[in-house]
Amino acid sequence: MSNVEKGMIIAFFAIFGVISTVSHLVGRSWSTVKNFLHRYYKRGTVENLPHTGRPESLSNEIKGPSYAPYRRTGSTHVSKSALHVSLPTIDRMLREPSIKKWLAKKRPKLMADHAKARLQLALAHKDWTVEDFRRVIYSDECSVEKEPAGHQRWAFRTSQEK
């Protein structure tokens, strides 16, 4: 329940004094409103108690590469963050409603001669100003892969990142 809903329940109960009216106005069940009000008056705060049990070992801010193979995601992540995260923990994290498994799009391979040509272009224009670059029309903007992958790659991303 959000803090806004909690505040509405307290305000409506102070005005009407009837749990069924408050539950109808807030859109929560009678028992939910009753239990919340009981806890609120007993504790004197709307804050929830901390969860019991072991804390999560993997937060949303700490994730491995979103395109890495499933087993390598955990090991890469663990070595970089010094956490000991098991594969079941990674599996639970990836099953969150906001994260889905998408087939990664195939990208053109970046060959050595292409990389050399791009480097030469960058060195030739390293002294250009922002205005110089604004006068250029780019027609081949795309992402490329540095090394070819021999298998399908899956990306773990939200629908906005797809």
Protein backbone atom coordinates (compact mmCIF):
# COMPACT_ATOMS: atom_id res chain seq x y z
CA MET A 1 0.00 0.00 0.00
CA SER A 2 1.41 3.41 -0.94
CA ASN A 3 1.93 6.21 1.57
CA VAL A 4 -0.77 8.20 -0.24
CA GLU A 5 -3.30 5.42 0.33
CA LYS A 6 -2.25 5.16 3.96
CA GLY A 7 -2.75 8.91 4.40
CA MET A 8 -6.15 8.74 2.71
CA ILE A 9 -7.27 5.94 5.04
CA ILE A 10 -6.22 7.90 8.13
CA ALA A 11 -7.88 11.11 6.86
CA PHE A 12 -11.12 9.41 5.80
CA PHE A 13 -11.33 7.50 9.07
CA ALA A 14 -10.86 10.76 11.01
CA ILE A 15 -13.69 12.33 8.98
CA PHE A 16 -16.19 9.45 8.71
CA GLY A 17 -15.16 7.11 11.54
CA VAL A 18 -16.58 4.10 9.65
CA ILE A 19 -14.23 1.46 8.23
CA SER A 20 -16.65 0.30 5.53
CA THR A 21 -17.00 3.86 4.18
CA VAL A 22 -13.21 4.32 4.18
CA SER A 23 -12.66 0.98 2.43
CA HIS A 24 -15.20 1.92 -0.25
CA LEU A 25 -13.60 5.36 -0.83
CA VAL A 26 -10.04 4.04 -0.96
CA GLY A 27 -10.85 0.89 -2.94
CA ARG A 28 -9.37 -1.53 -0.43
CA SER A 29 -11.06 -4.38 1.40
CA TRP A 30 -12.64 -3.80 4.80
CA SER A 31 -10.14 -6.13 6.49
CA THR A 32 -7.15 -4.37 4.91
CA VAL A 33 -8.34 -0.98 6.15
CA LYS A 34 -9.15 -2.38 9.60
CA ASN A 35 -5.76 -4.09 9.94
CA PHE A 36 -3.89 -1.01 8.74
CA LEU A 37 -5.73 1.28 11.19
CA HIS A 38 -5.08 -1.17 14.03
CA ARG A 39 -1.34 -1.23 13.25
CA TYR A 40 -1.25 2.57 12.78
CA TYR A 41 -2.83 3.32 16.16
CA LYS A 42 -0.75 0.64 17.88
CA ARG A 43 2.63 1.79 16.44
CA GLY A 44 1.90 5.48 15.86
CA THR A 45 3.48 5.41 12.39
CA VAL A 46 2.51 4.43 8.84
CA GLU A 47 5.94 2.94 8.14
CA ASN A 48 6.16 -0.80 7.57
CA LEU A 49 8.35 -2.89 9.82
CA PRO A 50 11.56 -4.16 8.23
CA HIS A 51 11.29 -7.55 6.55
CA THR A 52 12.60 -10.49 8.49
CA GLY A 53 15.07 -12.98 7.11
CA ARG A 54 18.24 -12.71 5.15
CA PRO A 55 18.56 -9.55 3.02
CA GLU A 56 18.66 -9.88 -0.75
CA SER A 57 22.16 -10.50 -2.07
CA LEU A 58 21.50 -8.83 -5.42
CA SER A 59 20.00 -5.36 -5.78
CA ASN A 60 18.45 -3.81 -8.90
CA GLU A 61 21.41 -1.47 -9.29
CA ILE A 62 23.88 -4.36 -9.40
CA LYS A 63 23.45 -6.42 -12.53
CA GLY A 64 25.75 -8.19 -14.92
CA PRO A 65 25.87 -7.43 -18.64
CA SER A 66 22.36 -7.59 -20.06
CA TYR A 67 23.50 -9.59 -23.08
CA ALA A 68 25.90 -12.08 -21.50
CA PRO A 69 25.19 -15.81 -21.53
CA TYR A 70 23.13 -16.86 -18.54
CA ARG A 71 25.88 -18.66 -16.64
CA ARG A 72 28.50 -16.01 -17.44
CA THR A 73 26.22 -13.22 -16.19
CA GLY A 74 26.57 -14.46 -12.65
CA SER A 75 30.29 -15.15 -12.73
CA THR A 76 31.14 -11.82 -14.42
CA HIS A 77 28.90 -10.00 -12.00
CA VAL A 78 30.32 -11.77 -8.99
CA SER A 79 33.93 -11.11 -9.91
CA LYS A 80 33.31 -7.41 -10.53
CA SER A 81 31.26 -6.74 -7.41
CA ALA A 82 32.87 -9.23 -4.99
CA LEU A 83 29.49 -10.74 -4.18
CA HIS A 84 28.80 -14.44 -3.98
CA VAL A 85 25.63 -14.75 -6.00
CA SER A 86 24.28 -18.16 -6.87
CA LEU A 87 22.59 -19.09 -10.15
CA PRO A 88 19.20 -19.49 -8.41
CA THR A 89 19.52 -15.89 -7.15
CA ILE A 90 20.20 -14.68 -10.68
CA ASP A 91 17.27 -16.75 -11.93
CA ARG A 92 14.93 -15.14 -9.37
CA MET A 93 16.15 -11.67 -10.31
CA LEU A 94 15.57 -12.32 -14.00
CA ARG A 95 12.03 -13.55 -13.33
CA GLU A 96 10.97 -10.11 -12.04
CA PRO A 97 7.93 -8.84 -13.93
CA SER A 98 9.86 -5.95 -15.46
CA ILE A 99 12.70 -8.05 -16.89
CA LYS A 100 12.14 -10.33 -19.87
CA LYS A 101 14.30 -12.48 -22.09
CA TRP A 102 14.61 -11.10 -25.64
CA LEU A 103 16.46 -12.58 -28.59
CA ALA A 104 19.32 -10.15 -29.26
CA LYS A 105 19.29 -8.58 -32.71
CA LYS A 106 22.05 -9.61 -35.05
CA ARG A 107 24.58 -6.87 -35.71
CA PRO A 108 27.01 -6.58 -38.61
CA LYS A 109 30.47 -7.84 -37.69
CA LEU A 110 33.22 -5.22 -37.32
CA MET A 111 36.14 -6.44 -39.40
CA ALA A 112 39.74 -5.34 -38.92
CA ASP A 113 39.77 -3.25 -42.13
CA HIS A 114 36.55 -1.51 -41.06
CA ALA A 115 38.04 -0.67 -37.66
CA LYS A 116 41.19 0.65 -39.35
CA ALA A 117 39.14 2.85 -41.72
CA ARG A 118 37.10 4.21 -38.81
CA LEU A 119 40.26 5.01 -36.87
CA GLN A 120 41.72 6.86 -39.86
CA LEU A 121 38.49 8.84 -40.23
CA ALA A 122 38.49 9.72 -36.53
CA LEU A 123 42.14 10.82 -36.60
CA ALA A 124 41.56 12.91 -39.74
CA HIS A 125 38.68 14.77 -38.08
CA LYS A 126 39.90 14.94 -34.48
CA ASP A 127 40.19 18.73 -34.57
CA TRP A 128 36.71 19.36 -35.95
CA THR A 129 34.30 21.47 -33.90
CA VAL A 130 30.70 20.61 -33.07
CA GLU A 131 29.59 22.96 -35.87
CA ASP A 132 31.76 21.07 -38.38
CA PHE A 133 30.10 17.78 -37.44
CA ARG A 134 26.61 19.29 -37.62
CA ARG A 135 27.11 19.96 -41.35
CA VAL A 136 27.65 16.25 -42.06
CA ILE A 137 24.81 13.87 -42.88
CA TYR A 138 25.34 10.37 -41.49
CA SER A 139 23.63 7.60 -43.39
CA ASP A 140 25.07 4.40 -41.92
CA GLU A 141 24.49 4.79 -38.19
CA CYS A 142 24.20 1.34 -36.65
CA SER A 143 25.73 -0.71 -33.89
CA VAL A 144 28.26 -3.41 -34.68
CA GLU A 145 29.72 -6.44 -32.94
CA LYS A 146 33.44 -6.59 -32.30
CA GLU A 147 33.61 -10.38 -32.28
CA PRO A 148 31.25 -12.83 -33.94
CA ALA A 149 29.21 -15.05 -31.66
CA GLY A 150 28.66 -18.64 -32.71
CA HIS A 151 25.28 -18.96 -31.03
CA GLN A 152 22.07 -17.06 -30.47
CA ARG A 153 22.38 -14.38 -27.83
CA TRP A 154 19.66 -13.51 -25.38
CA ALA A 155 19.30 -10.14 -23.74
CA PHE A 156 17.68 -9.64 -20.34
CA ARG A 157 15.99 -6.25 -20.46
CA THR A 158 12.83 -4.36 -19.64
CA SER A 159 10.31 -3.70 -22.41
CA GLN A 160 11.55 -0.10 -22.61
CA GLU A 161 15.13 -1.29 -23.19
CA LYS A 162 14.08 -3.81 -25.87
